[in-house]
PDB file of all heavy atoms in Angstrom:
ATOM      1  N   GLN A   1     207.762   6.218 180.576  1.00  0.00           N
ATOM      2  CA  GLN A   1     207.598   5.076 179.685  1.00  0.00           C
ATOM      3  C   GLN A   1     206.556   5.404 178.604  1.00  0.00           C
ATOM      4  O   GLN A   1     206.797   5.045 177.413  1.00  0.00           O
ATOM      5  CB  GLN A   1     207.226   3.847 180.465  1.00  0.00           C
ATOM      6  CG  GLN A   1     208.274   3.266 181.368  1.00  0.00           C
ATOM      7  CD  GLN A   1     207.878   2.077 182.188  1.00  0.00           C
ATOM      8  OE1 GLN A   1     206.815   1.552 181.939  1.00  0.00           O
ATOM      9  NE2 GLN A   1     208.733   1.625 183.070  1.00  0.00           N
ATOM     10  N   ALA A   2     205.497   6.061 179.013  1.00  0.00           N
ATOM     11  CA  ALA A   2     204.475   6.432 178.027  1.00  0.00           C
ATOM     12  C   ALA A   2     205.019   7.487 177.055  1.00  0.00           C
ATOM     13  O   ALA A   2     204.752   7.431 175.823  1.00  0.00           O
ATOM     14  CB  ALA A   2     203.204   6.950 178.753  1.00  0.00           C
ATOM     15  N   LEU A   3     205.737   8.463 177.598  1.00  0.00           N
ATOM     16  CA  LEU A   3     206.361   9.541 176.736  1.00  0.00           C
ATOM     17  C   LEU A   3     207.343   8.933 175.761  1.00  0.00           C
ATOM     18  O   LEU A   3     207.455   9.492 174.628  1.00  0.00           O
ATOM     19  CB  LEU A   3     206.983  10.577 177.617  1.00  0.00           C
ATOM     20  CG  LEU A   3     206.045  11.516 178.342  1.00  0.00           C
ATOM     21  CD1 LEU A   3     206.778  12.359 179.378  1.00  0.00           C
ATOM     22  CD2 LEU A   3     205.294  12.446 177.377  1.00  0.00           C
ATOM     23  N   SER A   4     208.032   7.924 176.100  1.00  0.00           N
ATOM     24  CA  SER A   4     209.044   7.346 175.210  1.00  0.00           C
ATOM     25  C   SER A   4     208.416   6.726 173.943  1.00  0.00           C
ATOM     26  O   SER A   4     209.094   6.514 172.980  1.00  0.00           O
ATOM     27  CB  SER A   4     209.862   6.277 175.997  1.00  0.00           C
ATOM     28  OG  SER A   4     209.059   5.171 176.306  1.00  0.00           O
ATOM     29  N   SER A   5     207.103   6.487 173.993  1.00  0.00           N
ATOM     30  CA  SER A   5     206.439   5.823 172.852  1.00  0.00           C
ATOM     31  C   SER A   5     206.272   6.816 171.694  1.00  0.00           C
ATOM     32  O   SER A   5     205.940   6.379 170.594  1.00  0.00           O
ATOM     33  CB  SER A   5     205.065   5.312 173.272  1.00  0.00           C
ATOM     34  OG  SER A   5     204.217   6.353 173.698  1.00  0.00           O
ATOM     35  N   ILE A   6     206.492   8.088 171.893  1.00  0.00           N
ATOM     36  CA  ILE A   6     206.355   9.018 170.789  1.00  0.00           C
ATOM     37  C   ILE A   6     207.540   9.003 169.865  1.00  0.00           C
ATOM     38  O   ILE A   6     207.544   9.631 168.808  1.00  0.00           O
ATOM     39  CB  ILE A   6     206.118  10.462 171.284  1.00  0.00           C
ATOM     40  CG1 ILE A   6     207.381  11.041 171.913  1.00  0.00           C
ATOM     41  CG2 ILE A   6     204.922  10.539 172.231  1.00  0.00           C
ATOM     42  CD1 ILE A   6     207.277  12.507 172.264  1.00  0.00           C
ATOM     43  N   ASP A   7     208.606   8.281 170.258  1.00  0.00           N
ATOM     44  CA  ASP A   7     209.799   8.167 169.421  1.00  0.00           C
ATOM     45  C   ASP A   7     209.450   7.327 168.215  1.00  0.00           C
ATOM     46  O   ASP A   7     209.017   6.165 168.349  1.00  0.00           O
ATOM     47  CB  ASP A   7     210.961   7.519 170.222  1.00  0.00           C
ATOM     48  CG  ASP A   7     212.244   7.573 169.530  1.00  0.00           C
ATOM     49  OD1 ASP A   7     212.294   7.758 168.277  1.00  0.00           O
ATOM     50  OD2 ASP A   7     213.288   7.459 170.178  1.00  0.00           O
ATOM     51  N   PRO A   8     209.577   7.877 167.040  1.00  0.00           N
ATOM     52  CA  PRO A   8     209.214   7.096 165.829  1.00  0.00           C
ATOM     53  C   PRO A   8     210.033   5.787 165.640  1.00  0.00           C
ATOM     54  O   PRO A   8     209.598   4.922 164.863  1.00  0.00           O
ATOM     55  CB  PRO A   8     209.523   8.114 164.639  1.00  0.00           C
ATOM     56  CG  PRO A   8     209.496   9.447 165.291  1.00  0.00           C
ATOM     57  CD  PRO A   8     210.023   9.240 166.664  1.00  0.00           C
ATOM     58  N   VAL A   9     211.176   5.695 166.335  1.00  0.00           N
ATOM     59  CA  VAL A   9     211.985   4.487 166.196  1.00  0.00           C
ATOM     60  C   VAL A   9     211.230   3.237 166.658  1.00  0.00           C
ATOM     61  O   VAL A   9     211.403   2.183 166.169  1.00  0.00           O
ATOM     62  CB  VAL A   9     213.322   4.677 167.002  1.00  0.00           C
ATOM     63  CG1 VAL A   9     214.092   3.356 167.070  1.00  0.00           C
ATOM     64  CG2 VAL A   9     214.170   5.723 166.360  1.00  0.00           C
ATOM     65  N   VAL A  10     210.365   3.436 167.698  1.00  0.00           N
ATOM     66  CA  VAL A  10     209.635   2.256 168.260  1.00  0.00           C
ATOM     67  C   VAL A  10     208.333   2.006 167.531  1.00  0.00           C
ATOM     68  O   VAL A  10     207.616   1.089 167.923  1.00  0.00           O
ATOM     69  CB  VAL A  10     209.402   2.519 169.765  1.00  0.00           C
ATOM     70  CG1 VAL A  10     210.690   2.726 170.484  1.00  0.00           C
ATOM     71  CG2 VAL A  10     208.493   3.726 169.984  1.00  0.00           C
ATOM     72  N   ARG A  11     208.029   2.804 166.543  1.00  0.00           N
ATOM     73  CA  ARG A  11     206.754   2.620 165.788  1.00  0.00           C
ATOM     74  C   ARG A  11     206.763   1.194 165.210  1.00  0.00           C
ATOM     75  O   ARG A  11     207.760   0.771 164.601  1.00  0.00           O
ATOM     76  CB  ARG A  11     206.600   3.676 164.695  1.00  0.00           C
ATOM     77  CG  ARG A  11     205.183   3.750 164.138  1.00  0.00           C
ATOM     78  CD  ARG A  11     205.056   4.950 163.224  1.00  0.00           C
ATOM     79  NE  ARG A  11     205.824   4.798 162.005  1.00  0.00           N
ATOM     80  CZ  ARG A  11     205.336   4.259 160.884  1.00  0.00           C
ATOM     81  NH1 ARG A  11     204.036   3.823 160.824  1.00  0.00           N
ATOM     82  NH2 ARG A  11     206.083   4.174 159.823  1.00  0.00           N
ATOM     83  N   GLY A  12     205.638   0.546 165.274  1.00  0.00           N
ATOM     84  CA  GLY A  12     205.531  -0.833 164.773  1.00  0.00           C
ATOM     85  C   GLY A  12     205.615  -1.881 165.856  1.00  0.00           C
ATOM     86  O   GLY A  12     205.221  -3.056 165.625  1.00  0.00           O
ATOM     87  N   HIS A  13     206.145  -1.542 167.025  1.00  0.00           N
ATOM     88  CA  HIS A  13     206.238  -2.481 168.123  1.00  0.00           C
ATOM     89  C   HIS A  13     204.930  -2.514 168.891  1.00  0.00           C
ATOM     90  O   HIS A  13     204.201  -1.475 168.995  1.00  0.00           O
ATOM     91  CB  HIS A  13     207.401  -2.094 169.040  1.00  0.00           C
ATOM     92  CG  HIS A  13     207.785  -3.160 169.940  1.00  0.00           C
ATOM     93  ND1 HIS A  13     207.140  -3.495 171.085  1.00  0.00           N
ATOM     94  CD2 HIS A  13     208.904  -4.066 169.891  1.00  0.00           C
ATOM     95  CE1 HIS A  13     207.759  -4.534 171.690  1.00  0.00           C
ATOM     96  NE2 HIS A  13     208.817  -4.822 170.991  1.00  0.00           N
ATOM     97  N   SER A  14     204.591  -3.628 169.421  1.00  0.00           N
ATOM     98  CA  SER A  14     203.319  -3.773 170.190  1.00  0.00           C
ATOM     99  C   SER A  14     203.341  -2.926 171.423  1.00  0.00           C
ATOM    100  O   SER A  14     202.285  -2.366 171.805  1.00  0.00           O
ATOM    101  CB  SER A  14     203.067  -5.276 170.550  1.00  0.00           C
ATOM    102  OG  SER A  14     204.165  -5.729 171.331  1.00  0.00           O
ATOM    103  N   GLN A  15     204.501  -2.770 172.073  1.00  0.00           N
ATOM    104  CA  GLN A  15     204.542  -1.940 173.285  1.00  0.00           C
ATOM    105  C   GLN A  15     204.285  -0.477 172.949  1.00  0.00           C
ATOM    106  O   GLN A  15     203.818   0.289 173.789  1.00  0.00           O
ATOM    107  CB  GLN A  15     205.924  -2.117 173.923  1.00  0.00           C
ATOM    108  CG  GLN A  15     206.022  -3.299 174.813  1.00  0.00           C
ATOM    109  CD  GLN A  15     205.094  -3.261 176.053  1.00  0.00           C
ATOM    110  OE1 GLN A  15     204.866  -2.220 176.641  1.00  0.00           O
ATOM    111  NE2 GLN A  15     204.469  -4.404 176.340  1.00  0.00           N
ATOM    112  N   ALA A  16     204.669  -0.070 171.735  1.00  0.00           N
ATOM    113  CA  ALA A  16     204.403   1.343 171.301  1.00  0.00           C
ATOM    114  C   ALA A  16     202.942   1.648 171.319  1.00  0.00           C
ATOM    115  O   ALA A  16     202.514   2.683 171.799  1.00  0.00           O
ATOM    116  CB  ALA A  16     205.003   1.588 169.917  1.00  0.00           C
ATOM    117  N   VAL A  17     202.101   0.676 170.915  1.00  0.00           N
ATOM    118  CA  VAL A  17     200.646   0.884 170.962  1.00  0.00           C
ATOM    119  C   VAL A  17     200.180   0.998 172.384  1.00  0.00           C
ATOM    120  O   VAL A  17     199.370   1.925 172.726  1.00  0.00           O
ATOM    121  CB  VAL A  17     199.905  -0.295 170.268  1.00  0.00           C
ATOM    122  CG1 VAL A  17     198.429  -0.158 170.387  1.00  0.00           C
ATOM    123  CG2 VAL A  17     200.287  -0.322 168.770  1.00  0.00           C
ATOM    124  N   ILE A  18     200.648   0.104 173.235  1.00  0.00           N
ATOM    125  CA  ILE A  18     200.208   0.143 174.642  1.00  0.00           C
ATOM    126  C   ILE A  18     200.576   1.406 175.333  1.00  0.00           C
ATOM    127  O   ILE A  18     199.789   2.060 176.017  1.00  0.00           O
ATOM    128  CB  ILE A  18     200.799  -1.073 175.422  1.00  0.00           C
ATOM    129  CG1 ILE A  18     200.296  -2.434 174.773  1.00  0.00           C
ATOM    130  CG2 ILE A  18     200.504  -1.019 176.855  1.00  0.00           C
ATOM    131  CD1 ILE A  18     200.997  -3.634 175.361  1.00  0.00           C
ATOM    132  N   GLN A  19     201.819   1.861 175.127  1.00  0.00           N
ATOM    133  CA  GLN A  19     202.277   3.102 175.810  1.00  0.00           C
ATOM    134  C   GLN A  19     201.652   4.346 175.175  1.00  0.00           C
ATOM    135  O   GLN A  19     201.414   5.322 175.935  1.00  0.00           O
ATOM    136  CB  GLN A  19     203.801   3.182 175.712  1.00  0.00           C
ATOM    137  CG  GLN A  19     204.543   2.053 176.470  1.00  0.00           C
ATOM    138  CD  GLN A  19     204.162   2.002 177.933  1.00  0.00           C
ATOM    139  OE1 GLN A  19     203.842   3.026 178.517  1.00  0.00           O
ATOM    140  NE2 GLN A  19     204.269   0.834 178.532  1.00  0.00           N
ATOM    141  N   LEU A  20     201.370   4.342 173.915  1.00  0.00           N
ATOM    142  CA  LEU A  20     200.694   5.487 173.325  1.00  0.00           C
ATOM    143  C   LEU A  20     199.299   5.618 173.840  1.00  0.00           C
ATOM    144  O   LEU A  20     198.805   6.755 174.093  1.00  0.00           O
ATOM    145  CB  LEU A  20     200.662   5.351 171.792  1.00  0.00           C
ATOM    146  CG  LEU A  20     201.925   5.912 171.016  1.00  0.00           C
ATOM    147  CD1 LEU A  20     201.817   5.601 169.569  1.00  0.00           C
ATOM    148  CD2 LEU A  20     202.064   7.402 171.261  1.00  0.00           C
ATOM    149  N   LYS A  21     198.634   4.473 174.042  1.00  0.00           N
ATOM    150  CA  LYS A  21     197.255   4.525 174.620  1.00  0.00           C
ATOM    151  C   LYS A  21     197.346   5.024 176.052  1.00  0.00           C
ATOM    152  O   LYS A  21     196.464   5.817 176.517  1.00  0.00           O
ATOM    153  CB  LYS A  21     196.667   3.147 174.571  1.00  0.00           C
ATOM    154  CG  LYS A  21     196.263   2.690 173.165  1.00  0.00           C
ATOM    155  CD  LYS A  21     195.562   1.339 173.190  1.00  0.00           C
ATOM    156  CE  LYS A  21     195.116   0.910 171.759  1.00  0.00           C
ATOM    157  NZ  LYS A  21     194.471  -0.414 171.783  1.00  0.00           N
ATOM    158  N   GLU A  22     198.384   4.632 176.774  1.00  0.00           N
ATOM    159  CA  GLU A  22     198.530   5.106 178.148  1.00  0.00           C
ATOM    160  C   GLU A  22     198.796   6.609 178.151  1.00  0.00           C
ATOM    161  O   GLU A  22     198.287   7.337 179.020  1.00  0.00           O
ATOM    162  CB  GLU A  22     199.741   4.377 178.790  1.00  0.00           C
ATOM    163  CG  GLU A  22     199.951   4.713 180.257  1.00  0.00           C
ATOM    164  CD  GLU A  22     198.841   4.224 181.146  1.00  0.00           C
ATOM    165  OE1 GLU A  22     198.142   3.281 180.782  1.00  0.00           O
ATOM    166  OE2 GLU A  22     198.617   4.856 182.259  1.00  0.00           O
ATOM    167  N   LEU A  23     199.594   7.048 177.203  1.00  0.00           N
ATOM    168  CA  LEU A  23     199.857   8.519 177.099  1.00  0.00           C
ATOM    169  C   LEU A  23     198.617   9.266 176.736  1.00  0.00           C
ATOM    170  O   LEU A  23     198.385  10.338 177.276  1.00  0.00           O
ATOM    171  CB  LEU A  23     200.921   8.769 175.997  1.00  0.00           C
ATOM    172  CG  LEU A  23     201.416  10.216 175.844  1.00  0.00           C
ATOM    173  CD1 LEU A  23     202.051  10.713 177.087  1.00  0.00           C
ATOM    174  CD2 LEU A  23     202.339  10.300 174.650  1.00  0.00           C
ATOM    175  N   ALA A  24     197.768   8.697 175.900  1.00  0.00           N
ATOM    176  CA  ALA A  24     196.493   9.335 175.558  1.00  0.00           C
ATOM    177  C   ALA A  24     195.583   9.456 176.789  1.00  0.00           C
ATOM    178  O   ALA A  24     194.835  10.425 176.927  1.00  0.00           O
ATOM    179  CB  ALA A  24     195.780   8.551 174.485  1.00  0.00           C
ATOM    180  N   ILE A  25     195.673   8.484 177.708  1.00  0.00           N
ATOM    181  CA  ILE A  25     194.855   8.550 178.924  1.00  0.00           C
ATOM    182  C   ILE A  25     195.443   9.640 179.858  1.00  0.00           C
ATOM    183  O   ILE A  25     194.674  10.390 180.446  1.00  0.00           O
ATOM    184  CB  ILE A  25     194.907   7.179 179.658  1.00  0.00           C
ATOM    185  CG1 ILE A  25     194.160   6.142 178.793  1.00  0.00           C
ATOM    186  CG2 ILE A  25     194.246   7.280 181.021  1.00  0.00           C
ATOM    187  CD1 ILE A  25     194.272   4.724 179.382  1.00  0.00           C
ATOM    188  N   ILE A  26     196.770   9.725 179.927  1.00  0.00           N
ATOM    189  CA  ILE A  26     197.383  10.742 180.763  1.00  0.00           C
ATOM    190  C   ILE A  26     197.033  12.136 180.272  1.00  0.00           C
ATOM    191  O   ILE A  26     196.759  13.057 181.081  1.00  0.00           O
ATOM    192  CB  ILE A  26     198.926  10.561 180.796  1.00  0.00           C
ATOM    193  CG1 ILE A  26     199.277   9.215 181.484  1.00  0.00           C
ATOM    194  CG2 ILE A  26     199.606  11.738 181.489  1.00  0.00           C
ATOM    195  CD1 ILE A  26     200.749   8.883 181.387  1.00  0.00           C
ATOM    196  N   MET A  27     196.946  12.333 178.979  1.00  0.00           N
ATOM    197  CA  MET A  27     196.696  13.612 178.370  1.00  0.00           C
ATOM    198  C   MET A  27     195.323  13.707 177.757  1.00  0.00           C
ATOM    199  O   MET A  27     195.080  14.389 176.760  1.00  0.00           O
ATOM    200  CB  MET A  27     197.771  13.937 177.279  1.00  0.00           C
ATOM    201  CG  MET A  27     199.142  14.022 177.840  1.00  0.00           C
ATOM    202  SD  MET A  27     200.319  14.656 176.662  1.00  0.00           S
ATOM    203  CE  MET A  27     201.825  14.811 177.642  1.00  0.00           C
ATOM    204  N   LYS A  28     194.374  13.031 178.417  1.00  0.00           N
ATOM    205  CA  LYS A  28     192.992  13.006 177.874  1.00  0.00           C
ATOM    206  C   LYS A  28     192.346  14.392 177.888  1.00  0.00           C
ATOM    207  O   LYS A  28     191.350  14.630 177.150  1.00  0.00           O
ATOM    208  CB  LYS A  28     192.127  12.000 178.633  1.00  0.00           C
ATOM    209  CG  LYS A  28     192.030  12.298 180.121  1.00  0.00           C
ATOM    210  CD  LYS A  28     191.210  11.200 180.805  1.00  0.00           C
ATOM    211  CE  LYS A  28     191.120  11.477 182.310  1.00  0.00           C
ATOM    212  NZ  LYS A  28     190.311  10.416 183.031  1.00  0.00           N
ATOM    213  N   HIS A  29     192.823  15.282 178.770  1.00  0.00           N
ATOM    214  CA  HIS A  29     192.286  16.608 178.854  1.00  0.00           C
ATOM    215  C   HIS A  29     192.574  17.419 177.594  1.00  0.00           C
ATOM    216  O   HIS A  29     191.927  18.497 177.359  1.00  0.00           O
ATOM    217  CB  HIS A  29     192.829  17.372 180.053  1.00  0.00           C
ATOM    218  CG  HIS A  29     194.337  17.490 180.023  1.00  0.00           C
ATOM    219  ND1 HIS A  29     195.186  16.418 180.305  1.00  0.00           N
ATOM    220  CD2 HIS A  29     195.098  18.544 179.815  1.00  0.00           C
ATOM    221  CE1 HIS A  29     196.405  16.812 180.232  1.00  0.00           C
ATOM    222  NE2 HIS A  29     196.418  18.107 179.900  1.00  0.00           N
ATOM    223  N   LEU A  30     193.509  16.957 176.747  1.00  0.00           N
ATOM    224  CA  LEU A  30     193.833  17.637 175.516  1.00  0.00           C
ATOM    225  C   LEU A  30     193.068  17.111 174.314  1.00  0.00           C
ATOM    226  O   LEU A  30     193.013  17.764 173.273  1.00  0.00           O
ATOM    227  CB  LEU A  30     195.334  17.499 175.228  1.00  0.00           C
ATOM    228  CG  LEU A  30     196.296  18.040 176.284  1.00  0.00           C
ATOM    229  CD1 LEU A  30     197.759  17.727 175.880  1.00  0.00           C
ATOM    230  CD2 LEU A  30     196.155  19.543 176.482  1.00  0.00           C
ATOM    231  N   VAL A  31     192.411  15.977 174.487  1.00  0.00           N
ATOM    232  CA  VAL A  31     191.673  15.342 173.381  1.00  0.00           C
ATOM    233  C   VAL A  31     190.200  15.656 173.491  1.00  0.00           C
ATOM    234  O   VAL A  31     189.618  15.540 174.556  1.00  0.00           O
ATOM    235  CB  VAL A  31     191.931  13.812 173.409  1.00  0.00           C
ATOM    236  CG1 VAL A  31     191.225  13.155 172.239  1.00  0.00           C
ATOM    237  CG2 VAL A  31     193.358  13.478 173.433  1.00  0.00           C
ATOM    238  N   PRO A  32     189.570  16.081 172.407  1.00  0.00           N
ATOM    239  CA  PRO A  32     188.092  16.323 172.447  1.00  0.00           C
ATOM    240  C   PRO A  32     187.363  15.090 172.909  1.00  0.00           C
ATOM    241  O   PRO A  32     187.729  13.907 172.597  1.00  0.00           O
ATOM    242  CB  PRO A  32     187.772  16.680 171.014  1.00  0.00           C
ATOM    243  CG  PRO A  32     189.046  17.157 170.414  1.00  0.00           C
ATOM    244  CD  PRO A  32     190.131  16.389 171.092  1.00  0.00           C
ATOM    245  N   THR A  33     186.323  15.277 173.709  1.00  0.00           N
ATOM    246  CA  THR A  33     185.547  14.160 174.259  1.00  0.00           C
ATOM    247  C   THR A  33     184.955  13.260 173.186  1.00  0.00           C
ATOM    248  O   THR A  33     184.791  12.048 173.427  1.00  0.00           O
ATOM    249  CB  THR A  33     184.417  14.668 175.134  1.00  0.00           C
ATOM    250  OG1 THR A  33     183.627  15.653 174.409  1.00  0.00           O
ATOM    251  CG2 THR A  33     185.002  15.395 176.367  1.00  0.00           C
ATOM    252  N   GLU A  34     184.627  13.802 171.993  1.00  0.00           N
ATOM    253  CA  GLU A  34     183.989  13.010 170.971  1.00  0.00           C
ATOM    254  C   GLU A  34     185.033  12.209 170.144  1.00  0.00           C
ATOM    255  O   GLU A  34     184.668  11.394 169.286  1.00  0.00           O
ATOM    256  CB  GLU A  34     183.193  13.845 170.046  1.00  0.00           C
ATOM    257  CG  GLU A  34     183.995  14.832 169.220  1.00  0.00           C
ATOM    258  CD  GLU A  34     184.278  16.135 169.935  1.00  0.00           C
ATOM    259  OE1 GLU A  34     183.938  16.217 171.158  1.00  0.00           O
ATOM    260  OE2 GLU A  34     184.806  17.101 169.362  1.00  0.00           O
ATOM    261  N   SER A  35     186.321  12.441 170.411  1.00  0.00           N
ATOM    262  CA  SER A  35     187.399  11.767 169.660  1.00  0.00           C
ATOM    263  C   SER A  35     187.899  10.552 170.376  1.00  0.00           C
ATOM    264  O   SER A  35     187.953  10.531 171.627  1.00  0.00           O
ATOM    265  CB  SER A  35     188.522  12.737 169.397  1.00  0.00           C
ATOM    266  OG  SER A  35     188.087  13.878 168.650  1.00  0.00           O
ATOM    267  N   ASP A  36     188.285   9.524 169.651  1.00  0.00           N
ATOM    268  CA  ASP A  36     188.856   8.317 170.232  1.00  0.00           C
ATOM    269  C   ASP A  36     190.244   8.096 169.585  1.00  0.00           C
ATOM    270  O   ASP A  36     190.303   7.643 168.422  1.00  0.00           O
ATOM    271  CB  ASP A  36     187.968   7.153 169.962  1.00  0.00           C
ATOM    272  CG  ASP A  36     188.486   5.879 170.622  1.00  0.00           C
ATOM    273  OD1 ASP A  36     189.415   5.992 171.464  1.00  0.00           O
ATOM    274  OD2 ASP A  36     188.018   4.777 170.249  1.00  0.00           O
ATOM    275  N   PRO A  37     191.282   8.373 170.255  1.00  0.00           N
ATOM    276  CA  PRO A  37     192.620   8.212 169.665  1.00  0.00           C
ATOM    277  C   PRO A  37     193.116   6.770 169.567  1.00  0.00           C
ATOM    278  O   PRO A  37     194.102   6.468 168.917  1.00  0.00           O
ATOM    279  CB  PRO A  37     193.554   8.957 170.686  1.00  0.00           C
ATOM    280  CG  PRO A  37     192.823   8.913 171.989  1.00  0.00           C
ATOM    281  CD  PRO A  37     191.368   8.898 171.626  1.00  0.00           C
ATOM    282  N   SER A  38     192.374   5.838 170.173  1.00  0.00           N
ATOM    283  CA  SER A  38     192.785   4.397 170.147  1.00  0.00           C
ATOM    284  C   SER A  38     192.910   3.849 168.760  1.00  0.00           C
ATOM    285  O   SER A  38     193.932   3.248 168.401  1.00  0.00           O
ATOM    286  CB  SER A  38     191.812   3.559 170.962  1.00  0.00           C
ATOM    287  OG  SER A  38     191.801   3.957 172.298  1.00  0.00           O
ATOM    288  N   MET A  39     191.932   4.085 167.894  1.00  0.00           N
ATOM    289  CA  MET A  39     191.928   3.570 166.500  1.00  0.00           C
ATOM    290  C   MET A  39     193.030   4.322 165.722  1.00  0.00           C
ATOM    291  O   MET A  39     193.719   3.685 164.884  1.00  0.00           O
ATOM    292  CB  MET A  39     190.575   3.765 165.852  1.00  0.00           C
ATOM    293  CG  MET A  39     189.483   2.942 166.541  1.00  0.00           C
ATOM    294  SD  MET A  39     189.891   1.189 166.567  1.00  0.00           S
ATOM    295  CE  MET A  39     190.025   0.815 164.821  1.00  0.00           C
ATOM    296  N   GLU A  40     193.204   5.579 165.999  1.00  0.00           N
ATOM    297  CA  GLU A  40     194.231   6.339 165.284  1.00  0.00           C
ATOM    298  C   GLU A  40     195.614   5.799 165.667  1.00  0.00           C
ATOM    299  O   GLU A  40     196.500   5.744 164.807  1.00  0.00           O
ATOM    300  CB  GLU A  40     194.137   7.812 165.640  1.00  0.00           C
ATOM    301  CG  GLU A  40     192.911   8.507 165.080  1.00  0.00           C
ATOM    302  CD  GLU A  40     192.917   9.989 165.364  1.00  0.00           C
ATOM    303  OE1 GLU A  40     193.940  10.522 165.789  1.00  0.00           O
ATOM    304  OE2 GLU A  40     191.841  10.619 165.127  1.00  0.00           O
ATOM    305  N   ILE A  41     195.845   5.404 166.908  1.00  0.00           N
ATOM    306  CA  ILE A  41     197.108   4.877 167.315  1.00  0.00           C
ATOM    307  C   ILE A  41     197.412   3.579 166.636  1.00  0.00           C
ATOM    308  O   ILE A  41     198.578   3.304 166.161  1.00  0.00           O
ATOM    309  CB  ILE A  41     197.092   4.670 168.850  1.00  0.00           C
ATOM    310  CG1 ILE A  41     197.068   6.028 169.574  1.00  0.00           C
ATOM    311  CG2 ILE A  41     198.305   3.864 169.343  1.00  0.00           C
ATOM    312  CD1 ILE A  41     196.883   5.959 171.079  1.00  0.00           C
ATOM    313  N   LEU A  42     196.401   2.730 166.458  1.00  0.00           N
ATOM    314  CA  LEU A  42     196.542   1.442 165.728  1.00  0.00           C
ATOM    315  C   LEU A  42     196.955   1.714 164.306  1.00  0.00           C
ATOM    316  O   LEU A  42     197.832   1.066 163.778  1.00  0.00           O
ATOM    317  CB  LEU A  42     195.280   0.633 165.838  1.00  0.00           C
ATOM    318  CG  LEU A  42     194.928   0.098 167.245  1.00  0.00           C
ATOM    319  CD1 LEU A  42     193.580  -0.604 167.205  1.00  0.00           C
ATOM    320  CD2 LEU A  42     195.995  -0.894 167.721  1.00  0.00           C
ATOM    321  N   ARG A  43     196.277   2.630 163.638  1.00  0.00           N
ATOM    322  CA  ARG A  43     196.586   2.946 162.251  1.00  0.00           C
ATOM    323  C   ARG A  43     197.940   3.550 162.088  1.00  0.00           C
ATOM    324  O   ARG A  43     198.702   3.218 161.180  1.00  0.00           O
ATOM    325  CB  ARG A  43     195.497   3.874 161.652  1.00  0.00           C
ATOM    326  CG  ARG A  43     194.123   3.291 161.575  1.00  0.00           C
ATOM    327  CD  ARG A  43     193.266   4.009 160.556  1.00  0.00           C
ATOM    328  NE  ARG A  43     193.219   5.426 160.834  1.00  0.00           N
ATOM    329  CZ  ARG A  43     192.355   6.023 161.635  1.00  0.00           C
ATOM    330  NH1 ARG A  43     191.467   5.347 162.250  1.00  0.00           N
ATOM    331  NH2 ARG A  43     192.396   7.360 161.780  1.00  0.00           N
ATOM    332  N   TYR A  44     198.273   4.450 163.059  1.00  0.00           N
ATOM    333  CA  TYR A  44     199.637   5.116 162.977  1.00  0.00           C
ATOM    334  C   TYR A  44     200.728   4.067 163.153  1.00  0.00           C
ATOM    335  O   TYR A  44     201.760   4.142 162.428  1.00  0.00           O
ATOM    336  CB  TYR A  44     199.694   6.124 164.128  1.00  0.00           C
ATOM    337  CG  TYR A  44     201.101   6.438 164.552  1.00  0.00           C
ATOM    338  CD1 TYR A  44     201.935   7.244 163.804  1.00  0.00           C
ATOM    339  CD2 TYR A  44     201.621   5.885 165.730  1.00  0.00           C
ATOM    340  CE1 TYR A  44     203.270   7.506 164.215  1.00  0.00           C
ATOM    341  CE2 TYR A  44     202.915   6.120 166.159  1.00  0.00           C
ATOM    342  CZ  TYR A  44     203.744   6.956 165.362  1.00  0.00           C
ATOM    343  OH  TYR A  44     205.004   7.197 165.763  1.00  0.00           O
ATOM    344  N   ASN A  45     200.551   3.075 164.030  1.00  0.00           N
ATOM    345  CA  ASN A  45     201.642   2.125 164.309  1.00  0.00           C
ATOM    346  C   ASN A  45     201.936   1.223 163.114  1.00  0.00           C
ATOM    347  O   ASN A  45     203.052   0.732 163.026  1.00  0.00           O
ATOM    348  CB  ASN A  45     201.172   1.238 165.470  1.00  0.00           C
ATOM    349  CG  ASN A  45     202.351   0.532 166.140  1.00  0.00           C
ATOM    350  OD1 ASN A  45     203.326   1.177 166.461  1.00  0.00           O
ATOM    351  ND2 ASN A  45     202.225  -0.749 166.374  1.00  0.00           N
TER     352      ASN A  45
END
């Protein structure tokens, strides 16, 4: 469900934000510790 949020078709939906944040948590080992993808996800959506 989290992976399905990367589909650009669902961009703009509220669930896309929730699932992208969940995906960011799952793959937090890939994100630098000083970075916060949450705000970027909101702007992207």
